């Protein structure tokens, strides 16, 4: 993850929360939080989160349109599906 500008431990985050939030909010940084030496979370700003949500929505719309285009209109009754899945 080369977009993470810094790493802090969970303990350091507790001690430096105000500083970390300032760096994220004002500087647009992405700061990784580790727990037991493993990356556990990333603190990101609201703009980054909104951009991620927009990307996810665009992907969902694309997947919906593809599924709709492939829909042949044929439907299977639920009981039949259950029987088929049961084996």
C-alpha atoms as a PDB file:
ATOM      1  CA  UNK A   1       0.000   0.000   0.000  1.00  0.00           C
ATOM      2  CA  UNK A   2       2.139   2.794  -1.271  1.00  0.00           C
ATOM      3  CA  UNK A   3      -0.574   5.427  -0.734  1.00  0.00           C
ATOM      4  CA  UNK A   4      -0.228   5.221   3.057  1.00  0.00           C
ATOM      5  CA  UNK A   5       1.932   8.118   4.177  1.00  0.00           C
ATOM      6  CA  UNK A   6       2.695   6.915   7.711  1.00  0.00           C
ATOM      7  CA  UNK A   7       2.049   4.062  10.110  1.00  0.00           C
ATOM      8  CA  UNK A   8       1.199   4.185  13.802  1.00  0.00           C
ATOM      9  CA  UNK A   9       0.419   1.462  16.297  1.00  0.00           C
ATOM     10  CA  UNK A  10      -2.987   1.343  17.939  1.00  0.00           C
ATOM     11  CA  UNK A  11      -1.347   2.555  21.155  1.00  0.00           C
ATOM     12  CA  UNK A  12       0.328   5.469  19.343  1.00  0.00           C
ATOM     13  CA  UNK A  13      -2.997   6.335  17.736  1.00  0.00           C
ATOM     14  CA  UNK A  14      -4.597   6.726  21.154  1.00  0.00           C
ATOM     15  CA  UNK A  15      -1.780   9.025  22.247  1.00  0.00           C
ATOM     16  CA  UNK A  16      -1.625  11.002  18.980  1.00  0.00           C
ATOM     17  CA  UNK A  17      -5.252  10.976  17.810  1.00  0.00           C
ATOM     18  CA  UNK A  18      -5.544  14.743  17.459  1.00  0.00           C
ATOM     19  CA  UNK A  19      -2.321  14.915  15.425  1.00  0.00           C
ATOM     20  CA  UNK A  20      -3.360  11.994  13.194  1.00  0.00           C
ATOM     21  CA  UNK A  21      -6.792  13.513  12.549  1.00  0.00           C
ATOM     22  CA  UNK A  22      -5.212  16.865  11.718  1.00  0.00           C
ATOM     23  CA  UNK A  23      -2.829  15.263   9.236  1.00  0.00           C
ATOM     24  CA  UNK A  24      -5.689  13.362   7.615  1.00  0.00           C
ATOM     25  CA  UNK A  25      -8.112  16.286   7.526  1.00  0.00           C
ATOM     26  CA  UNK A  26      -5.732  19.095   6.622  1.00  0.00           C
ATOM     27  CA  UNK A  27      -2.977  17.285   4.777  1.00  0.00           C
ATOM     28  CA  UNK A  28      -5.001  14.623   3.018  1.00  0.00           C
ATOM     29  CA  UNK A  29      -2.729  11.915   4.377  1.00  0.00           C
ATOM     30  CA  UNK A  30      -3.695   8.275   4.776  1.00  0.00           C
ATOM     31  CA  UNK A  31      -2.317   6.832   7.981  1.00  0.00           C
ATOM     32  CA  UNK A  32      -2.129   3.106   8.618  1.00  0.00           C
ATOM     33  CA  UNK A  33      -2.852   1.702  12.056  1.00  0.00           C
ATOM     34  CA  UNK A  34      -1.123  -1.508  13.058  1.00  0.00           C
ATOM     35  CA  UNK A  35      -2.064  -4.010  15.694  1.00  0.00           C
ATOM     36  CA  UNK A  36       0.453  -6.638  16.720  1.00  0.00           C
ATOM     37  CA  UNK A  37       2.605  -5.601  13.759  1.00  0.00           C
ATOM     38  CA  UNK A  38      -0.126  -6.115  11.167  1.00  0.00           C
ATOM     39  CA  UNK A  39      -1.950  -3.378   9.295  1.00  0.00           C
ATOM     40  CA  UNK A  40      -5.428  -3.312  10.854  1.00  0.00           C
ATOM     41  CA  UNK A  41      -6.983  -0.103   9.551  1.00  0.00           C
ATOM     42  CA  UNK A  42      -6.302   3.076   7.641  1.00  0.00           C
ATOM     43  CA  UNK A  43      -7.428   6.510   8.777  1.00  0.00           C
ATOM     44  CA  UNK A  44      -8.590   8.468   5.725  1.00  0.00           C
ATOM     45  CA  UNK A  45     -10.308  11.784   5.217  1.00  0.00           C
ATOM     46  CA  UNK A  46     -13.925  12.304   4.289  1.00  0.00           C
ATOM     47  CA  UNK A  47     -13.031  13.164   0.679  1.00  0.00           C
ATOM     48  CA  UNK A  48     -11.275   9.808   0.270  1.00  0.00           C
ATOM     49  CA  UNK A  49     -14.248   7.958   1.730  1.00  0.00           C
ATOM     50  CA  UNK A  50     -16.687   9.799  -0.524  1.00  0.00           C
ATOM     51  CA  UNK A  51     -14.535   8.987  -3.575  1.00  0.00           C
ATOM     52  CA  UNK A  52     -14.479   5.315  -2.572  1.00  0.00           C
ATOM     53  CA  UNK A  53     -18.259   5.278  -2.149  1.00  0.00           C
ATOM     54  CA  UNK A  54     -18.722   6.879  -5.588  1.00  0.00           C
ATOM     55  CA  UNK A  55     -16.452   4.234  -7.129  1.00  0.00           C
ATOM     56  CA  UNK A  56     -18.373   1.433  -5.414  1.00  0.00           C
ATOM     57  CA  UNK A  57     -21.679   2.878  -6.626  1.00  0.00           C
ATOM     58  CA  UNK A  58     -20.370   3.104 -10.194  1.00  0.00           C
ATOM     59  CA  UNK A  59     -19.250  -0.530 -10.011  1.00  0.00           C
ATOM     60  CA  UNK A  60     -22.647  -1.576  -8.643  1.00  0.00           C
ATOM     61  CA  UNK A  61     -24.459   0.237 -11.450  1.00  0.00           C
ATOM     62  CA  UNK A  62     -22.193  -1.382 -14.040  1.00  0.00           C
ATOM     63  CA  UNK A  63     -22.803  -4.848 -12.556  1.00  0.00           C
ATOM     64  CA  UNK A  64     -26.571  -4.214 -12.438  1.00  0.00           C
ATOM     65  CA  UNK A  65     -26.646  -3.131 -16.082  1.00  0.00           C
ATOM     66  CA  UNK A  66     -24.636  -6.195 -17.141  1.00  0.00           C
ATOM     67  CA  UNK A  67     -26.935  -8.526 -15.186  1.00  0.00           C
ATOM     68  CA  UNK A  68     -30.019  -6.858 -16.625  1.00  0.00           C
ATOM     69  CA  UNK A  69     -28.657  -7.171 -20.173  1.00  0.00           C
ATOM     70  CA  UNK A  70     -28.006 -10.894 -19.626  1.00  0.00           C
ATOM     71  CA  UNK A  71     -31.458 -11.556 -18.107  1.00  0.00           C
ATOM     72  CA  UNK A  72     -33.407 -13.831 -20.428  1.00  0.00           C
ATOM     73  CA  UNK A  73     -36.639 -13.368 -18.489  1.00  0.00           C
ATOM     74  CA  UNK A  74     -36.866 -17.006 -17.471  1.00  0.00           C
ATOM     75  CA  UNK A  75     -37.834 -17.532 -13.834  1.00  0.00           C
ATOM     76  CA  UNK A  76     -37.568 -20.600 -11.602  1.00  0.00           C
ATOM     77  CA  UNK A  77     -40.092 -21.219  -8.827  1.00  0.00           C
ATOM     78  CA  UNK A  78     -38.552 -21.158  -5.353  1.00  0.00           C
ATOM     79  CA  UNK A  79     -39.658 -24.721  -4.560  1.00  0.00           C
ATOM     80  CA  UNK A  80     -37.934 -25.973  -7.712  1.00  0.00           C
ATOM     81  CA  UNK A  81     -34.745 -24.118  -6.828  1.00  0.00           C
ATOM     82  CA  UNK A  82     -34.762 -25.549  -3.311  1.00  0.00           C
ATOM     83  CA  UNK A  83     -35.229 -29.068  -4.691  1.00  0.00           C
ATOM     84  CA  UNK A  84     -32.378 -28.566  -7.139  1.00  0.00           C
ATOM     85  CA  UNK A  85     -30.031 -27.223  -4.450  1.00  0.00           C
ATOM     86  CA  UNK A  86     -30.950 -30.009  -2.006  1.00  0.00           C
ATOM     87  CA  UNK A  87     -29.655 -32.443  -4.451  1.00  0.00           C
END
